[in-house]
Amino acid sequence: MKNLYKFIYKGIISFKHTFGTEWNGIKSDKAVASTFLSVTLIILVVYTYIYSNQVIKEVPVAIVNQDGTRMSRDYIAMLAATEGTKTITTFADLEAAKVAYYSRKVQGIVIVPKSFEKNIRSGRQTTITTFSDAANMLFYKRVLGDVTEVNGYFSAGISIKKEMAKGVSFDEAQKNYTPIKAISTSLFNTNSGYATYLIPMLTALIIQLVLLMGIGLLSGSRREAKSTHKKFPRILHKGGVLSVLLAKACLYTLIYIVIIPIQVGVVYTLFGIPVRSSLLSIYVFIIPYIFSVVFLGISISSFFKRREDSIVFLVLLSIPSLMLSGLSFPAEGFSKFYKFISEIIPSTAGMNGFVKLTQMEASFVDVLKEWNHLWLLTIIYFVIAAISLKIRAKKELALNKAL
């Protein structure tokens, strides 16, 4: 019993010492401190501001009116009246429109064919041809969507007028044209805003990016100075690595307990991004996320011989983390190998759970799968971090003795 009390007492002392040492290391290292402040707050604010318009409006489109009739002009006026498309000019031929398109003056081309009005009045089908750049999905969706919508309304107007000419009432003619009424309801991202889609994902991803970068920079400095065993002397004692790792994880969790309300409560509110969860639920969810990322960072920091190595590694890791999360591309489309890789990266479960909580109004029960997965990763990376940290401290001690 006495030995147990002594072990716990030393563990508490080591916890406090590690907590203070790590905090002092963050404060005294300008690169690490600026990483937490600038990347976590400033960059997310800038990103959110860039996408604050949420949706693309008034995409410039070239019109090639080969018909020149009143009905073709009515069609063009309807297209110009849509929210997303702005017809900046009408061209006499397709070649002139192509010149404007390739010089990026317009993002799409719409061709109203010859005999447009004549074909419609004689009951023959006519064709509206649309060109838009599918390499840019936002412009492509906007142009194609508006043209399709105008085609539908224009066709409906023609059919309804023909029915009314036969003596049918407007209501009856409308019912005959659309016997099935479709009601479409957008869930969660009701305004189809790009910021509402992207920023919550980036928030969760940047938590991982900043933590790994900060840990990598501090670890690289200590490895260069061979000071790990000096900074955290309890590592070399039995059970000492437990208190060291827990202190590090608790410190970084505390930092984000301060940062998250600023991002979610202030920045999201300023730019109209909804938050459909309580702060308490977000806190509870991110604890295993931060713990798993911290232990992952400590595990891989053994490979960083210099401070700069961590930055290079994390730049390479950030984009795959986003792609493998399953939010930018469906995880069902991944091969088994990439599914496995995505599951061992904390940001995959972290981003999915964070988005469900903040955007999909999910209860905590709905994110238990991701939460439990993060705890599993926490345990796995804790074991790896404990082994790698102890080996590293022993090597540094041996080198110092040899010198």
Foldseek 3Di string as FASTA:
>chain_A
DVVVVVVVVVLVVLLVLLLVLLVVLCVVDPVLVCLLVCLQPVVLLVVLVVQLVQAAFAAEEEEAEQAPDPLVVVLVVQLCPDGHHHHPYYDPDDVVRVVCVVVVVGFKYKYQHHCNVVCLVVVHDDDIDMGGDVVDVRRVCSNVVSNVVSVVVSVLVSQLVVVVVVVDDSVVSSCVVPVDDDDDADALPRVNGPSLQPSLLVNLLSLLLSLLLSLLLSLLVCLLVLCLCVSNVLLQPVPSLVSSLVSVLVSSLVSVLVSVCCCQVPSCVVSVRFFQADSVLVSLQCSLLSLLSNLLSLLCSLVRNHSVVSVVVSVVVSVLLSVLLCSVPHVVPDDPVSVVVNLLRSSSLRSVLSCCRTGVNDDSVVSVVSSVSSNVSSVVSSVSSSVSSSVSNVVSVVVVVVD
